[in-house]
Amino acid sequence: MLEPGDPAPEISAQNQYGETVTPDFSEPTVVYFYPEDFTEGCTIEARDFQETMPKFREGGIAVYGVSMDSVESHDEFAEEMGVLYDLLADPDGEVGEAFGLDTSSGRVDRYTFVLADGEVKRVYDPDRYDPEGHAEDVLVETRNEFVQGG
């Protein structure tokens, strides 16, 4: 798995609208992986990031959610949850593998990566955080560490 200090991977994936997205990790960016659309913890986490999104945008911090679900599943999930940021579909596990995650089960574990300046800055271990309130914690730490005047 990628660790702080590792170079940011080059990735591209389709979002919930079927558009190909290629994140640029030069500016502060949060990429959170979650196991599956419509499951309890994933729903809580997606809603938390959406509720916190104005503060992320205010700080110039991009946010991407990633799971191994299809574009169609992400579209339904985003619609039902009111998610307006990009949910990247990774059905073949290429994005997860680029971050060093195990994709062999067809799902990824819940991990969050903060990237900036073309490298991994922080990794949040799922055993050390609860999906509820996670977005706010990531926002505060990312803003304080990587955004001027944070």
C-alpha atoms as a PDB file:
ATOM      1  CA  MET A   1       0.000   0.000   0.000  1.00  0.00           C
ATOM      2  CA  LEU A   2       1.161   3.523  -0.723  1.00  0.00           C
ATOM      3  CA  GLU A   3       2.695   5.322   2.240  1.00  0.00           C
ATOM      4  CA  PRO A   4       3.322   9.003   2.987  1.00  0.00           C
ATOM      5  CA  GLY A   5       6.173  10.236   0.798  1.00  0.00           C
ATOM      6  CA  ASP A   6       5.384   7.859  -2.082  1.00  0.00           C
ATOM      7  CA  PRO A   7       4.725   9.452  -5.486  1.00  0.00           C
ATOM      8  CA  ALA A   8       1.063   9.904  -6.369  1.00  0.00           C
ATOM      9  CA  PRO A   9      -0.145   7.307  -8.857  1.00  0.00           C
ATOM     10  CA  GLU A  10      -1.446   8.266 -12.286  1.00  0.00           C
ATOM     11  CA  ILE A  11      -5.074   7.205 -12.476  1.00  0.00           C
ATOM     12  CA  SER A  12      -8.115   7.666 -14.698  1.00  0.00           C
ATOM     13  CA  ALA A  13     -11.619   6.342 -14.129  1.00  0.00           C
ATOM     14  CA  GLN A  14     -15.191   7.128 -15.045  1.00  0.00           C
ATOM     15  CA  ASN A  15     -17.320   9.042 -12.566  1.00  0.00           C
ATOM     16  CA  GLN A  16     -21.008   8.497 -11.870  1.00  0.00           C
ATOM     17  CA  TYR A  17     -21.880  10.454 -15.048  1.00  0.00           C
ATOM     18  CA  GLY A  18     -19.715   8.273 -17.295  1.00  0.00           C
ATOM     19  CA  GLU A  19     -17.105  11.025 -17.727  1.00  0.00           C
ATOM     20  CA  THR A  20     -13.440  10.062 -17.605  1.00  0.00           C
ATOM     21  CA  VAL A  21     -11.691  11.782 -14.716  1.00  0.00           C
ATOM     22  CA  THR A  22      -7.916  12.067 -14.316  1.00  0.00           C
ATOM     23  CA  PRO A  23      -7.143  13.687 -10.954  1.00  0.00           C
ATOM     24  CA  ASP A  24      -4.168  16.020 -10.699  1.00  0.00           C
ATOM     25  CA  PHE A  25      -2.498  15.447  -7.363  1.00  0.00           C
ATOM     26  CA  SER A  26      -0.494  18.675  -7.356  1.00  0.00           C
ATOM     27  CA  GLU A  27      -3.106  20.446  -5.211  1.00  0.00           C
ATOM     28  CA  PRO A  28      -4.488  18.974  -1.961  1.00  0.00           C
ATOM     29  CA  THR A  29      -6.701  16.032  -2.884  1.00  0.00           C
ATOM     30  CA  VAL A  30      -8.581  13.460  -0.824  1.00  0.00           C
ATOM     31  CA  VAL A  31      -9.203  10.017  -2.312  1.00  0.00           C
ATOM     32  CA  TYR A  32     -11.307   7.789  -0.111  1.00  0.00           C
ATOM     33  CA  PHE A  33     -11.927   4.159  -0.940  1.00  0.00           C
ATOM     34  CA  TYR A  34     -15.050   2.427   0.289  1.00  0.00           C
ATOM     35  CA  PRO A  35     -16.275  -1.165  -0.042  1.00  0.00           C
ATOM     36  CA  GLU A  36     -19.667  -0.843  -1.741  1.00  0.00           C
ATOM     37  CA  ASP A  37     -22.455   1.541  -2.709  1.00  0.00           C
ATOM     38  CA  PHE A  38     -25.583   1.488  -0.510  1.00  0.00           C
ATOM     39  CA  THR A  39     -23.975  -0.210   2.510  1.00  0.00           C
ATOM     40  CA  GLU A  40     -24.359   1.409   5.916  1.00  0.00           C
ATOM     41  CA  GLY A  41     -20.823   2.687   6.580  1.00  0.00           C
ATOM     42  CA  CYS A  42     -20.338   3.744   2.959  1.00  0.00           C
ATOM     43  CA  THR A  43     -23.601   5.678   2.973  1.00  0.00           C
ATOM     44  CA  ILE A  44     -22.613   7.485   6.185  1.00  0.00           C
ATOM     45  CA  GLU A  45     -19.185   8.343   4.780  1.00  0.00           C
ATOM     46  CA  ALA A  46     -20.534   9.570   1.426  1.00  0.00           C
ATOM     47  CA  ARG A  47     -23.098  11.804   3.141  1.00  0.00           C
ATOM     48  CA  ASP A  48     -20.462  13.172   5.522  1.00  0.00           C
ATOM     49  CA  PHE A  49     -18.180  14.122   2.638  1.00  0.00           C
ATOM     50  CA  GLN A  50     -21.109  15.732   0.798  1.00  0.00           C
ATOM     51  CA  GLU A  51     -22.145  17.748   3.864  1.00  0.00           C
ATOM     52  CA  THR A  52     -18.555  18.927   4.318  1.00  0.00           C
ATOM     53  CA  MET A  53     -17.971  19.582   0.598  1.00  0.00           C
ATOM     54  CA  PRO A  54     -18.442  23.395   0.744  1.00  0.00           C
ATOM     55  CA  LYS A  55     -15.575  23.592   3.269  1.00  0.00           C
ATOM     56  CA  PHE A  56     -13.373  21.321   1.132  1.00  0.00           C
ATOM     57  CA  ARG A  57     -14.047  23.499  -1.918  1.00  0.00           C
ATOM     58  CA  GLU A  58     -13.411  26.673   0.081  1.00  0.00           C
ATOM     59  CA  GLY A  59      -9.965  25.266   0.929  1.00  0.00           C
ATOM     60  CA  GLY A  60      -9.302  24.232  -2.676  1.00  0.00           C
ATOM     61  CA  ILE A  61      -9.277  20.550  -1.714  1.00  0.00           C
ATOM     62  CA  ALA A  62     -10.595  18.064  -4.286  1.00  0.00           C
ATOM     63  CA  VAL A  63     -12.437  14.955  -3.092  1.00  0.00           C
ATOM     64  CA  TYR A  64     -12.966  11.642  -4.883  1.00  0.00           C
ATOM     65  CA  GLY A  65     -14.771   8.558  -3.622  1.00  0.00           C
ATOM     66  CA  VAL A  66     -13.734   5.231  -5.157  1.00  0.00           C
ATOM     67  CA  SER A  67     -15.209   1.742  -5.038  1.00  0.00           C
ATOM     68  CA  MET A  68     -15.255  -1.240  -7.339  1.00  0.00           C
ATOM     69  CA  ASP A  69     -18.909  -0.628  -8.199  1.00  0.00           C
ATOM     70  CA  SER A  70     -20.020   0.215 -11.746  1.00  0.00           C
ATOM     71  CA  VAL A  71     -20.741   3.645 -13.194  1.00  0.00           C
ATOM     72  CA  GLU A  72     -24.449   2.775 -13.096  1.00  0.00           C
ATOM     73  CA  SER A  73     -24.333   1.829  -9.420  1.00  0.00           C
ATOM     74  CA  HIS A  74     -22.430   5.037  -8.606  1.00  0.00           C
ATOM     75  CA  ASP A  75     -25.002   7.050 -10.551  1.00  0.00           C
ATOM     76  CA  GLU A  76     -27.878   5.549  -8.529  1.00  0.00           C
ATOM     77  CA  PHE A  77     -25.963   5.909  -5.256  1.00  0.00           C
ATOM     78  CA  ALA A  78     -25.009   9.537  -5.954  1.00  0.00           C
ATOM     79  CA  GLU A  79     -28.576  10.378  -6.934  1.00  0.00           C
ATOM     80  CA  GLU A  80     -30.076   8.786  -3.829  1.00  0.00           C
ATOM     81  CA  MET A  81     -27.463  10.224  -1.433  1.00  0.00           C
ATOM     82  CA  GLY A  82     -27.273  13.677  -3.047  1.00  0.00           C
ATOM     83  CA  VAL A  83     -23.549  13.250  -3.778  1.00  0.00           C
ATOM     84  CA  LEU A  84     -22.254  15.954  -6.121  1.00  0.00           C
ATOM     85  CA  TYR A  85     -18.513  15.208  -6.019  1.00  0.00           C
ATOM     86  CA  ASP A  86     -16.962  12.531  -8.258  1.00  0.00           C
ATOM     87  CA  LEU A  87     -17.453   8.891  -7.359  1.00  0.00           C
ATOM     88  CA  LEU A  88     -14.954   6.954  -9.440  1.00  0.00           C
ATOM     89  CA  ALA A  89     -15.975   3.526 -10.729  1.00  0.00           C
ATOM     90  CA  ASP A  90     -13.187   0.975 -10.440  1.00  0.00           C
ATOM     91  CA  PRO A  91     -14.813  -2.345 -11.471  1.00  0.00           C
ATOM     92  CA  ASP A  92     -11.485  -3.855 -12.580  1.00  0.00           C
ATOM     93  CA  GLY A  93      -9.647  -2.680  -9.460  1.00  0.00           C
ATOM     94  CA  GLU A  94      -7.040  -0.671 -11.388  1.00  0.00           C
ATOM     95  CA  VAL A  95      -7.368   2.446  -9.236  1.00  0.00           C
ATOM     96  CA  GLY A  96      -7.291   0.449  -6.006  1.00  0.00           C
ATOM     97  CA  GLU A  97      -4.236  -1.461  -7.200  1.00  0.00           C
ATOM     98  CA  ALA A  98      -2.500   1.822  -8.149  1.00  0.00           C
ATOM     99  CA  PHE A  99      -2.843   2.787  -4.460  1.00  0.00           C
ATOM    100  CA  GLY A 100      -1.596  -0.646  -3.399  1.00  0.00           C
ATOM    101  CA  LEU A 101      -4.932  -1.911  -2.098  1.00  0.00           C
ATOM    102  CA  ASP A 102      -6.085  -5.525  -2.269  1.00  0.00           C
ATOM    103  CA  THR A 103      -8.848  -5.824  -4.884  1.00  0.00           C
ATOM    104  CA  SER A 104      -8.920  -9.633  -5.130  1.00  0.00           C
ATOM    105  CA  SER A 105     -12.300  -9.963  -3.368  1.00  0.00           C
ATOM    106  CA  GLY A 106     -14.043  -7.531  -5.739  1.00  0.00           C
ATOM    107  CA  ARG A 107     -14.178  -4.921  -2.965  1.00  0.00           C
ATOM    108  CA  VAL A 108     -11.628  -2.613  -1.394  1.00  0.00           C
ATOM    109  CA  ASP A 109     -11.176  -1.892   2.269  1.00  0.00           C
ATOM    110  CA  ARG A 110     -12.011   1.552   3.584  1.00  0.00           C
ATOM    111  CA  TYR A 111      -8.866   3.706   3.285  1.00  0.00           C
ATOM    112  CA  THR A 112      -8.435   7.439   2.790  1.00  0.00           C
ATOM    113  CA  PHE A 113      -5.417   9.042   1.146  1.00  0.00           C
ATOM    114  CA  VAL A 114      -4.476  12.721   1.186  1.00  0.00           C
ATOM    115  CA  LEU A 115      -2.230  13.744  -1.688  1.00  0.00           C
ATOM    116  CA  ALA A 116      -0.557  17.043  -2.589  1.00  0.00           C
ATOM    117  CA  ASP A 117       2.534  18.182  -4.490  1.00  0.00           C
ATOM    118  CA  GLY A 118       2.447  14.927  -6.477  1.00  0.00           C
ATOM    119  CA  GLU A 119       2.861  12.643  -3.480  1.00  0.00           C
ATOM    120  CA  VAL A 120       0.978  10.830  -0.768  1.00  0.00           C
ATOM    121  CA  LYS A 121       0.872  12.978   2.362  1.00  0.00           C
ATOM    122  CA  ARG A 122      -1.320  10.961   4.713  1.00  0.00           C
ATOM    123  CA  VAL A 123      -3.063   7.584   4.868  1.00  0.00           C
ATOM    124  CA  TYR A 124      -6.034   6.946   7.149  1.00  0.00           C
ATOM    125  CA  ASP A 125      -6.275   3.347   8.345  1.00  0.00           C
ATOM    126  CA  PRO A 126      -9.854   2.019   8.562  1.00  0.00           C
ATOM    127  CA  ASP A 127      -9.144   0.414  11.939  1.00  0.00           C
ATOM    128  CA  ARG A 128      -8.507   3.861  13.390  1.00  0.00           C
ATOM    129  CA  TYR A 129     -11.528   5.824  12.204  1.00  0.00           C
ATOM    130  CA  ASP A 130     -15.288   5.648  12.170  1.00  0.00           C
ATOM    131  CA  PRO A 131     -17.056   6.592   8.896  1.00  0.00           C
ATOM    132  CA  GLU A 132     -19.214   9.056  10.832  1.00  0.00           C
ATOM    133  CA  GLY A 133     -17.279  12.293  11.297  1.00  0.00           C
ATOM    134  CA  HIS A 134     -14.352  11.078   9.194  1.00  0.00           C
ATOM    135  CA  ALA A 135     -14.852  13.745   6.504  1.00  0.00           C
ATOM    136  CA  GLU A 136     -14.631  16.567   9.048  1.00  0.00           C
ATOM    137  CA  ASP A 137     -11.466  15.087  10.572  1.00  0.00           C
ATOM    138  CA  VAL A 138      -9.847  14.783   7.127  1.00  0.00           C
ATOM    139  CA  LEU A 139     -10.916  18.323   6.249  1.00  0.00           C
ATOM    140  CA  VAL A 140      -9.472  19.868   9.406  1.00  0.00           C
ATOM    141  CA  GLU A 141      -6.165  18.007   9.185  1.00  0.00           C
ATOM    142  CA  THR A 142      -5.783  18.610   5.438  1.00  0.00           C
ATOM    143  CA  ARG A 143      -6.682  22.276   5.685  1.00  0.00           C
ATOM    144  CA  ASN A 144      -4.340  22.833   8.635  1.00  0.00           C
ATOM    145  CA  GLU A 145      -1.456  21.006   7.032  1.00  0.00           C
ATOM    146  CA  PHE A 146      -1.684  21.818   3.308  1.00  0.00           C
ATOM    147  CA  VAL A 147      -3.815  24.910   2.785  1.00  0.00           C
ATOM    148  CA  GLN A 148      -2.313  28.345   3.402  1.00  0.00           C
ATOM    149  CA  GLY A 149      -4.198  30.159   6.116  1.00  0.00           C
ATOM    150  CA  GLY A 150      -5.861  26.789   6.955  1.00  0.00           C
END
